[in-house]
């Protein structure tokens, strides 16, 4: 789902919600690993 949205809107942003900060960081890490995301943004 995230990759589809980013392909359609390359300058768009994705918001990830999770109940704890460690879980948010885990999602961020997974997205950086599996998707072509510029980590500097």
PDB file of N, CA and C in Angstrom:
ATOM      1  N   UNK A   1       0.812  -1.187   0.000  1.00  0.00           N
ATOM      2  CA  UNK A   1       0.000   0.000   0.000  1.00  0.00           C
ATOM      3  C   UNK A   1       0.866   1.267   0.000  1.00  0.00           C
ATOM      4  N   UNK A   2       1.867   1.300   0.854  1.00  0.00           N
ATOM      5  CA  UNK A   2       2.739   2.474   0.926  1.00  0.00           C
ATOM      6  C   UNK A   2       3.462   2.689  -0.394  1.00  0.00           C
ATOM      7  N   UNK A   3       3.979   1.608  -0.981  1.00  0.00           N
ATOM      8  CA  UNK A   3       4.729   1.760  -2.233  1.00  0.00           C
ATOM      9  C   UNK A   3       3.828   2.265  -3.352  1.00  0.00           C
ATOM     10  N   UNK A   4       2.578   1.827  -3.370  1.00  0.00           N
ATOM     11  CA  UNK A   4       1.630   2.277  -4.393  1.00  0.00           C
ATOM     12  C   UNK A   4       1.362   3.774  -4.266  1.00  0.00           C
ATOM     13  N   UNK A   5       1.177   4.234  -3.054  1.00  0.00           N
ATOM     14  CA  UNK A   5       0.915   5.658  -2.828  1.00  0.00           C
ATOM     15  C   UNK A   5       2.132   6.488  -3.224  1.00  0.00           C
ATOM     16  N   UNK A   6       3.330   6.025  -2.854  1.00  0.00           N
ATOM     17  CA  UNK A   6       4.539   6.780  -3.188  1.00  0.00           C
ATOM     18  C   UNK A   6       4.819   6.789  -4.683  1.00  0.00           C
ATOM     19  N   UNK A   7       4.438   5.726  -5.396  1.00  0.00           N
ATOM     20  CA  UNK A   7       4.608   5.728  -6.853  1.00  0.00           C
ATOM     21  C   UNK A   7       3.646   6.707  -7.502  1.00  0.00           C
ATOM     22  N   UNK A   8       2.424   6.784  -6.980  1.00  0.00           N
ATOM     23  CA  UNK A   8       1.424   7.691  -7.537  1.00  0.00           C
ATOM     24  C   UNK A   8       1.740   9.142  -7.179  1.00  0.00           C
ATOM     25  N   UNK A   9       2.237   9.366  -5.970  1.00  0.00           N
ATOM     26  CA  UNK A   9       2.574  10.702  -5.479  1.00  0.00           C
ATOM     27  C   UNK A   9       4.015  10.695  -4.973  1.00  0.00           C
ATOM     28  N   UNK A  10       5.002  10.778  -5.885  1.00  0.00           N
ATOM     29  CA  UNK A  10       6.409  10.645  -5.487  1.00  0.00           C
ATOM     30  C   UNK A  10       6.884  11.691  -4.470  1.00  0.00           C
ATOM     31  N   UNK A  11       6.259  12.841  -4.428  1.00  0.00           N
ATOM     32  CA  UNK A  11       6.655  13.862  -3.449  1.00  0.00           C
ATOM     33  C   UNK A  11       5.739  13.846  -2.231  1.00  0.00           C
ATOM     34  N   UNK A  12       4.877  12.833  -2.151  1.00  0.00           N
ATOM     35  CA  UNK A  12       3.940  12.727  -1.039  1.00  0.00           C
ATOM     36  C   UNK A  12       4.608  12.238   0.227  1.00  0.00           C
ATOM     37  N   UNK A  13       3.828  12.209   1.275  1.00  0.00           N
ATOM     38  CA  UNK A  13       4.323  11.756   2.575  1.00  0.00           C
ATOM     39  C   UNK A  13       3.402  10.670   3.103  1.00  0.00           C
ATOM     40  N   UNK A  14       3.961   9.795   3.913  1.00  0.00           N
ATOM     41  CA  UNK A  14       3.210   8.711   4.534  1.00  0.00           C
ATOM     42  C   UNK A  14       3.262   8.916   6.044  1.00  0.00           C
ATOM     43  N   UNK A  15       2.127   8.789   6.686  1.00  0.00           N
ATOM     44  CA  UNK A  15       2.070   8.882   8.149  1.00  0.00           C
ATOM     45  C   UNK A  15       1.840   7.481   8.699  1.00  0.00           C
ATOM     46  N   UNK A  16       2.703   7.078   9.615  1.00  0.00           N
ATOM     47  CA  UNK A  16       2.579   5.765  10.254  1.00  0.00           C
ATOM     48  C   UNK A  16       2.197   5.996  11.714  1.00  0.00           C
ATOM     49  N   UNK A  17       1.111   5.385  12.125  1.00  0.00           N
ATOM     50  CA  UNK A  17       0.670   5.497  13.515  1.00  0.00           C
ATOM     51  C   UNK A  17       0.893   4.170  14.222  1.00  0.00           C
ATOM     52  N   UNK A  18       1.392   4.239  15.427  1.00  0.00           N
ATOM     53  CA  UNK A  18       1.609   3.039  16.236  1.00  0.00           C
ATOM     54  C   UNK A  18       1.479   3.443  17.704  1.00  0.00           C
ATOM     55  N   UNK A  19       1.154   2.503  18.569  1.00  0.00           N
ATOM     56  CA  UNK A  19       0.928   2.845  19.975  1.00  0.00           C
ATOM     57  C   UNK A  19       2.194   3.193  20.768  1.00  0.00           C
ATOM     58  N   UNK A  20       3.365   2.805  20.266  1.00  0.00           N
ATOM     59  CA  UNK A  20       4.602   3.106  20.994  1.00  0.00           C
ATOM     60  C   UNK A  20       5.664   3.623  20.030  1.00  0.00           C
ATOM     61  N   UNK A  21       6.593   4.419  20.556  1.00  0.00           N
ATOM     62  CA  UNK A  21       7.683   4.948  19.727  1.00  0.00           C
ATOM     63  C   UNK A  21       8.565   3.832  19.158  1.00  0.00           C
ATOM     64  N   UNK A  22       8.927   2.801  19.934  1.00  0.00           N
ATOM     65  CA  UNK A  22       9.736   1.726  19.358  1.00  0.00           C
ATOM     66  C   UNK A  22       9.064   1.049  18.158  1.00  0.00           C
ATOM     67  N   UNK A  23       7.753   0.922  18.203  1.00  0.00           N
ATOM     68  CA  UNK A  23       7.044   0.318  17.082  1.00  0.00           C
ATOM     69  C   UNK A  23       7.062   1.239  15.858  1.00  0.00           C
ATOM     70  N   UNK A  24       6.950   2.542  16.074  1.00  0.00           N
ATOM     71  CA  UNK A  24       7.063   3.502  14.968  1.00  0.00           C
ATOM     72  C   UNK A  24       8.446   3.390  14.330  1.00  0.00           C
ATOM     73  N   UNK A  25       9.485   3.312  15.146  1.00  0.00           N
ATOM     74  CA  UNK A  25      10.852   3.195  14.627  1.00  0.00           C
ATOM     75  C   UNK A  25      11.051   1.881  13.878  1.00  0.00           C
ATOM     76  N   UNK A  26      10.394   0.827  14.340  1.00  0.00           N
ATOM     77  CA  UNK A  26      10.469  -0.460  13.645  1.00  0.00           C
ATOM     78  C   UNK A  26       9.816  -0.355  12.269  1.00  0.00           C
ATOM     79  N   UNK A  27       8.667   0.309  12.190  1.00  0.00           N
ATOM     80  CA  UNK A  27       8.002   0.509  10.896  1.00  0.00           C
ATOM     81  C   UNK A  27       8.879   1.351   9.969  1.00  0.00           C
ATOM     82  N   UNK A  28       9.490   2.396  10.523  1.00  0.00           N
ATOM     83  CA  UNK A  28      10.376   3.261   9.729  1.00  0.00           C
ATOM     84  C   UNK A  28      11.541   2.456   9.162  1.00  0.00           C
ATOM     85  N   UNK A  29      12.139   1.630   9.991  1.00  0.00           N
ATOM     86  CA  UNK A  29      13.258   0.797   9.565  1.00  0.00           C
ATOM     87  C   UNK A  29      12.842  -0.165   8.457  1.00  0.00           C
ATOM     88  N   UNK A  30      11.688  -0.770   8.604  1.00  0.00           N
ATOM     89  CA  UNK A  30      11.196  -1.706   7.587  1.00  0.00           C
ATOM     90  C   UNK A  30      10.936  -0.993   6.266  1.00  0.00           C
ATOM     91  N   UNK A  31      10.345   0.189   6.326  1.00  0.00           N
ATOM     92  CA  UNK A  31      10.077   0.946   5.100  1.00  0.00           C
ATOM     93  C   UNK A  31      11.379   1.315   4.401  1.00  0.00           C
ATOM     94  N   UNK A  32      12.374   1.740   5.163  1.00  0.00           N
ATOM     95  CA  UNK A  32      13.663   2.089   4.567  1.00  0.00           C
ATOM     96  C   UNK A  32      14.329   0.861   3.951  1.00  0.00           C
ATOM     97  N   UNK A  33      14.133  -0.293   4.563  1.00  0.00           N
ATOM     98  CA  UNK A  33      14.760  -1.522   4.078  1.00  0.00           C
ATOM     99  C   UNK A  33      14.102  -2.033   2.791  1.00  0.00           C
ATOM    100  N   UNK A  34      12.778  -2.021   2.744  1.00  0.00           N
ATOM    101  CA  UNK A  34      12.062  -2.653   1.644  1.00  0.00           C
ATOM    102  C   UNK A  34      11.621  -1.697   0.541  1.00  0.00           C
ATOM    103  N   UNK A  35      11.613  -0.400   0.807  1.00  0.00           N
ATOM    104  CA  UNK A  35      11.199   0.583  -0.187  1.00  0.00           C
ATOM    105  C   UNK A  35      12.374   1.494  -0.508  1.00  0.00           C
ATOM    106  N   UNK A  36      12.360   2.071  -1.683  1.00  0.00           N
ATOM    107  CA  UNK A  36      13.412   3.006  -2.088  1.00  0.00           C
ATOM    108  C   UNK A  36      13.063   4.389  -1.541  1.00  0.00           C
ATOM    109  N   UNK A  37      13.439   4.625  -0.281  1.00  0.00           N
ATOM    110  CA  UNK A  37      13.100   5.871   0.397  1.00  0.00           C
ATOM    111  C   UNK A  37      14.379   6.609   0.751  1.00  0.00           C
ATOM    112  N   UNK A  38      14.389   7.914   0.440  1.00  0.00           N
ATOM    113  CA  UNK A  38      15.526   8.756   0.803  1.00  0.00           C
ATOM    114  C   UNK A  38      15.462   9.026   2.304  1.00  0.00           C
ATOM    115  N   UNK A  39      16.407   8.504   3.050  1.00  0.00           N
ATOM    116  CA  UNK A  39      16.374   8.635   4.509  1.00  0.00           C
ATOM    117  C   UNK A  39      16.745  10.037   4.982  1.00  0.00           C
ATOM    118  N   UNK A  40      17.238  10.889   4.098  1.00  0.00           N
ATOM    119  CA  UNK A  40      17.607  12.249   4.473  1.00  0.00           C
ATOM    120  C   UNK A  40      16.388  13.156   4.576  1.00  0.00           C
ATOM    121  N   UNK A  41      15.247  12.739   4.060  1.00  0.00           N
ATOM    122  CA  UNK A  41      14.043  13.594   4.077  1.00  0.00           C
ATOM    123  C   UNK A  41      13.262  13.393   5.329  1.00  0.00           C
TER     124      UNK A  41
END
